């Protein structure tokens, strides 16, 4: 139980920092971080993490997925893609 709680807290802290750092750096000094490798890396890190979480949640590694479970996951993914196509938004503000 302690390992699970530690993992959840670590992921929560990482997610919080991935959202806080770009905003903090942009507000602190726009001229310093509007261009360059750091700004580009921070801008790409959020979508990369979301894509990684999506892959892990849709197809868990080293586990046989039942047909019904695969159908539910595919339906959920298709619903998200249809919503993105309809409203041009994946749920981001």
N, C-alpha and C. Protein backbone atom coordinates (compact mmCIF):
# COMPACT_ATOMS: atom_id res chain seq x y z
N UNK A 1 0.82 -1.20 0.00
CA UNK A 1 0.00 0.00 0.00
C UNK A 1 0.86 1.26 0.00
N UNK A 2 1.96 1.22 0.75
CA UNK A 2 2.85 2.36 0.81
C UNK A 2 3.50 2.66 -0.52
N UNK A 3 3.83 1.61 -1.29
CA UNK A 3 4.44 1.81 -2.61
C UNK A 3 3.45 2.47 -3.57
N UNK A 4 2.20 2.05 -3.50
CA UNK A 4 1.18 2.62 -4.38
C UNK A 4 0.96 4.10 -4.05
N UNK A 5 0.87 4.40 -2.77
CA UNK A 5 0.68 5.80 -2.36
C UNK A 5 1.88 6.65 -2.79
N UNK A 6 3.08 6.12 -2.63
CA UNK A 6 4.28 6.84 -3.06
C UNK A 6 4.28 7.09 -4.56
N UNK A 7 3.87 6.09 -5.33
CA UNK A 7 3.82 6.24 -6.79
C UNK A 7 2.78 7.28 -7.19
N UNK A 8 1.63 7.24 -6.54
CA UNK A 8 0.57 8.21 -6.85
C UNK A 8 1.04 9.63 -6.53
N UNK A 9 1.67 9.79 -5.37
CA UNK A 9 2.16 11.12 -4.99
C UNK A 9 3.26 11.60 -5.94
N UNK A 10 4.12 10.70 -6.38
CA UNK A 10 5.18 11.07 -7.31
C UNK A 10 4.60 11.50 -8.66
N UNK A 11 3.63 10.76 -9.16
CA UNK A 11 2.98 11.14 -10.43
C UNK A 11 2.24 12.46 -10.27
N UNK A 12 1.56 12.65 -9.14
CA UNK A 12 0.84 13.91 -8.91
C UNK A 12 1.80 15.09 -8.87
N UNK A 13 2.92 14.92 -8.18
CA UNK A 13 3.90 16.01 -8.11
C UNK A 13 4.49 16.30 -9.49
N UNK A 14 4.78 15.25 -10.25
CA UNK A 14 5.31 15.45 -11.61
C UNK A 14 4.32 16.16 -12.51
N UNK A 15 3.06 15.78 -12.43
CA UNK A 15 2.02 16.43 -13.24
C UNK A 15 1.88 17.89 -12.85
N UNK A 16 1.88 18.15 -11.55
CA UNK A 16 1.76 19.54 -11.08
C UNK A 16 2.94 20.38 -11.57
N UNK A 17 4.14 19.85 -11.47
CA UNK A 17 5.32 20.60 -11.91
C UNK A 17 5.33 20.81 -13.42
N UNK A 18 4.84 19.83 -14.18
CA UNK A 18 4.81 19.98 -15.64
C UNK A 18 3.85 21.09 -16.05
N UNK A 19 2.86 21.37 -15.23
CA UNK A 19 1.94 22.46 -15.53
C UNK A 19 2.41 23.78 -14.94
N UNK A 20 3.06 23.71 -13.79
CA UNK A 20 3.49 24.92 -13.10
C UNK A 20 4.73 25.56 -13.73
N UNK A 21 5.73 24.76 -14.07
CA UNK A 21 6.99 25.31 -14.56
C UNK A 21 6.85 26.17 -15.81
N UNK A 22 6.17 25.72 -16.87
CA UNK A 22 6.05 26.61 -18.04
C UNK A 22 5.33 27.92 -17.72
N UNK A 23 4.28 27.83 -16.91
CA UNK A 23 3.55 29.04 -16.54
C UNK A 23 4.42 29.97 -15.71
N UNK A 24 5.11 29.42 -14.73
CA UNK A 24 5.97 30.23 -13.87
C UNK A 24 7.09 30.89 -14.67
N UNK A 25 7.72 30.12 -15.54
CA UNK A 25 8.82 30.68 -16.34
C UNK A 25 8.31 31.75 -17.31
N UNK A 26 7.13 31.53 -17.85
CA UNK A 26 6.58 32.52 -18.78
C UNK A 26 6.21 33.81 -18.07
N UNK A 27 5.66 33.69 -16.87
CA UNK A 27 5.25 34.89 -16.15
C UNK A 27 6.44 35.62 -15.52
N UNK A 28 7.48 34.87 -15.18
CA UNK A 28 8.64 35.47 -14.52
C UNK A 28 9.45 36.36 -15.45
N UNK A 29 9.63 35.92 -16.63
CA UNK A 29 10.40 36.74 -17.58
C UNK A 29 10.12 36.31 -18.99
N UNK A 30 9.21 36.97 -19.62
CA UNK A 30 8.78 36.56 -20.96
C UNK A 30 9.94 36.58 -21.96
N UNK A 31 10.81 37.54 -21.86
CA UNK A 31 11.89 37.64 -22.84
C UNK A 31 12.87 36.48 -22.73
N UNK A 32 13.09 36.00 -21.51
CA UNK A 32 14.08 34.94 -21.32
C UNK A 32 13.65 33.60 -21.90
N UNK A 33 12.36 33.25 -21.77
CA UNK A 33 11.93 31.91 -22.08
C UNK A 33 10.95 31.81 -23.23
N UNK A 34 10.81 32.87 -24.01
CA UNK A 34 9.88 32.79 -25.13
C UNK A 34 10.48 32.02 -26.29
N UNK A 35 11.78 31.91 -26.37
CA UNK A 35 12.42 31.12 -27.42
C UNK A 35 13.48 30.26 -26.77
N UNK A 36 13.94 29.29 -27.50
CA UNK A 36 15.01 28.47 -27.00
C UNK A 36 14.59 27.04 -26.72
N UNK A 37 15.59 26.24 -26.41
CA UNK A 37 15.37 24.82 -26.22
C UNK A 37 14.54 24.52 -24.98
N UNK A 38 14.74 25.25 -23.89
CA UNK A 38 13.98 25.00 -22.67
C UNK A 38 12.50 25.25 -22.89
N UNK A 39 12.16 26.33 -23.51
CA UNK A 39 10.76 26.65 -23.78
C UNK A 39 10.13 25.59 -24.68
N UNK A 40 10.86 25.19 -25.70
CA UNK A 40 10.34 24.18 -26.62
C UNK A 40 10.15 22.83 -25.92
N UNK A 41 11.10 22.46 -25.09
CA UNK A 41 11.00 21.19 -24.36
C UNK A 41 9.82 21.20 -23.39
N UNK A 42 9.62 22.31 -22.67
CA UNK A 42 8.51 22.40 -21.74
C UNK A 42 7.17 22.40 -22.47
N UNK A 43 7.12 23.02 -23.64
CA UNK A 43 5.88 23.03 -24.41
C UNK A 43 5.52 21.64 -24.93
N UNK A 44 6.51 20.84 -25.25
CA UNK A 44 6.27 19.50 -25.78
C UNK A 44 6.10 18.44 -24.70
N UNK A 45 6.55 18.71 -23.50
CA UNK A 45 6.52 17.70 -22.44
C UNK A 45 5.10 17.35 -22.03
N UNK A 46 4.22 18.32 -21.91
CA UNK A 46 2.85 18.05 -21.50
C UNK A 46 2.11 17.11 -22.44
N UNK A 47 2.05 17.42 -23.74
CA UNK A 47 1.39 16.50 -24.67
C UNK A 47 2.07 15.13 -24.74
N UNK A 48 3.39 15.09 -24.58
CA UNK A 48 4.09 13.80 -24.59
C UNK A 48 3.69 12.95 -23.39
N UNK A 49 3.55 13.57 -22.22
CA UNK A 49 3.12 12.83 -21.04
C UNK A 49 1.68 12.34 -21.19
N UNK A 50 0.82 13.17 -21.73
CA UNK A 50 -0.57 12.76 -21.94
C UNK A 50 -0.63 11.58 -22.90
N UNK A 51 0.15 11.63 -23.98
CA UNK A 51 0.17 10.51 -24.92
C UNK A 51 0.71 9.24 -24.28
N UNK A 52 1.72 9.37 -23.44
CA UNK A 52 2.27 8.19 -22.75
C UNK A 52 1.24 7.59 -21.81
N UNK A 53 0.52 8.43 -21.06
CA UNK A 53 -0.53 7.92 -20.17
C UNK A 53 -1.65 7.26 -20.96
N UNK A 54 -1.97 7.80 -22.12
CA UNK A 54 -3.02 7.22 -22.96
C UNK A 54 -2.62 5.82 -23.43
N UNK A 55 -1.40 5.67 -23.89
CA UNK A 55 -0.94 4.37 -24.37
C UNK A 55 -0.95 3.34 -23.25
N UNK A 56 -0.48 3.72 -22.08
CA UNK A 56 -0.44 2.80 -20.95
C UNK A 56 -1.85 2.43 -20.49
N UNK A 57 -2.76 3.37 -20.53
CA UNK A 57 -4.12 3.06 -20.07
C UNK A 57 -4.91 2.25 -21.09
N UNK A 58 -4.64 2.42 -22.38
CA UNK A 58 -5.38 1.68 -23.39
C UNK A 58 -4.82 0.26 -23.56
N UNK A 59 -3.53 0.11 -23.59
CA UNK A 59 -2.90 -1.20 -23.77
C UNK A 59 -1.88 -1.46 -22.67
N UNK A 60 -2.30 -2.06 -21.57
CA UNK A 60 -1.34 -2.33 -20.50
C UNK A 60 -0.32 -3.38 -20.94
N UNK A 61 0.95 -3.24 -20.55
CA UNK A 61 1.99 -4.17 -20.98
C UNK A 61 1.86 -5.52 -20.29
N UNK A 62 2.29 -6.58 -20.98
CA UNK A 62 2.41 -7.93 -20.44
C UNK A 62 1.11 -8.44 -19.84
N UNK A 63 0.02 -8.18 -20.50
CA UNK A 63 -1.26 -8.65 -19.99
C UNK A 63 -2.16 -8.95 -21.18
N UNK A 64 -2.82 -10.09 -21.12
CA UNK A 64 -3.76 -10.45 -22.17
C UNK A 64 -5.06 -9.68 -21.95
N UNK A 65 -5.55 -9.01 -22.97
CA UNK A 65 -6.77 -8.22 -22.84
C UNK A 65 -7.92 -9.02 -23.43
N UNK A 66 -8.99 -9.15 -22.67
CA UNK A 66 -10.18 -9.84 -23.15
C UNK A 66 -10.83 -9.00 -24.25
N UNK A 67 -11.55 -9.67 -25.13
CA UNK A 67 -12.18 -8.99 -26.26
C UNK A 67 -13.15 -7.91 -25.79
N UNK A 68 -13.94 -8.20 -24.76
CA UNK A 68 -14.89 -7.20 -24.26
C UNK A 68 -14.19 -5.97 -23.71
N UNK A 69 -13.09 -6.20 -22.99
CA UNK A 69 -12.32 -5.07 -22.44
C UNK A 69 -11.70 -4.24 -23.56
N UNK A 70 -11.19 -4.90 -24.58
CA UNK A 70 -10.61 -4.19 -25.72
C UNK A 70 -11.69 -3.39 -26.45
N UNK A 71 -12.89 -3.94 -26.55
CA UNK A 71 -13.99 -3.24 -27.20
C UNK A 71 -14.38 -1.99 -26.40
N UNK A 72 -14.43 -2.09 -25.07
CA UNK A 72 -14.76 -0.93 -24.23
C UNK A 72 -13.70 0.17 -24.38
N UNK A 73 -12.44 -0.24 -24.36
CA UNK A 73 -11.36 0.75 -24.49
C UNK A 73 -11.35 1.40 -25.86
N UNK A 74 -11.59 0.61 -26.89
CA UNK A 74 -11.63 1.16 -28.25
C UNK A 74 -12.79 2.12 -28.42
N UNK A 75 -13.94 1.79 -27.81
CA UNK A 75 -15.10 2.67 -27.88
C UNK A 75 -14.81 3.99 -27.18
N UNK A 76 -14.16 3.93 -26.03
CA UNK A 76 -13.81 5.15 -25.30
C UNK A 76 -12.84 6.01 -26.12
N UNK A 77 -11.84 5.37 -26.71
CA UNK A 77 -10.88 6.11 -27.53
C UNK A 77 -11.55 6.72 -28.76
N UNK A 78 -12.43 5.97 -29.39
CA UNK A 78 -13.15 6.48 -30.56
C UNK A 78 -14.03 7.67 -30.18
N UNK A 79 -14.66 7.62 -29.01
CA UNK A 79 -15.48 8.73 -28.54
C UNK A 79 -14.64 9.99 -28.36
N UNK A 80 -13.47 9.84 -27.78
CA UNK A 80 -12.58 10.99 -27.59
C UNK A 80 -12.14 11.56 -28.95
N UNK A 81 -11.80 10.68 -29.88
CA UNK A 81 -11.36 11.16 -31.20
C UNK A 81 -12.50 11.84 -31.96
N UNK A 82 -13.71 11.31 -31.84
CA UNK A 82 -14.85 11.96 -32.48
C UNK A 82 -15.13 13.33 -31.86
N UNK A 83 -15.03 13.43 -30.54
CA UNK A 83 -15.22 14.72 -29.88
C UNK A 83 -14.14 15.71 -30.32
N UNK A 84 -12.92 15.23 -30.46
CA UNK A 84 -11.84 16.11 -30.92
C UNK A 84 -12.10 16.59 -32.33
N UNK A 85 -12.58 15.71 -33.18
CA UNK A 85 -12.88 16.09 -34.57
C UNK A 85 -14.03 17.08 -34.62
N UNK A 86 -15.05 16.85 -33.80
CA UNK A 86 -16.25 17.71 -33.82
C UNK A 86 -15.96 19.10 -33.27
N UNK A 87 -15.25 19.18 -32.12
CA UNK A 87 -15.05 20.46 -31.45
C UNK A 87 -13.61 20.95 -31.53
N UNK A 88 -12.72 20.24 -32.20
CA UNK A 88 -11.31 20.61 -32.32
C UNK A 88 -10.68 20.86 -30.96
N UNK A 89 -11.00 19.97 -30.02
CA UNK A 89 -10.48 20.12 -28.66
C UNK A 89 -10.47 18.74 -28.01
N UNK A 90 -9.32 18.37 -27.43
CA UNK A 90 -9.20 17.09 -26.75
C UNK A 90 -9.51 17.21 -25.27
N UNK A 91 -10.20 18.23 -24.86
CA UNK A 91 -10.53 18.40 -23.46
C UNK A 91 -9.61 19.36 -22.75
N UNK A 92 -8.71 19.97 -23.49
CA UNK A 92 -7.81 20.96 -22.89
C UNK A 92 -8.51 22.30 -22.87
N UNK A 93 -8.22 23.07 -21.85
CA UNK A 93 -8.85 24.39 -21.74
C UNK A 93 -8.27 25.36 -22.73
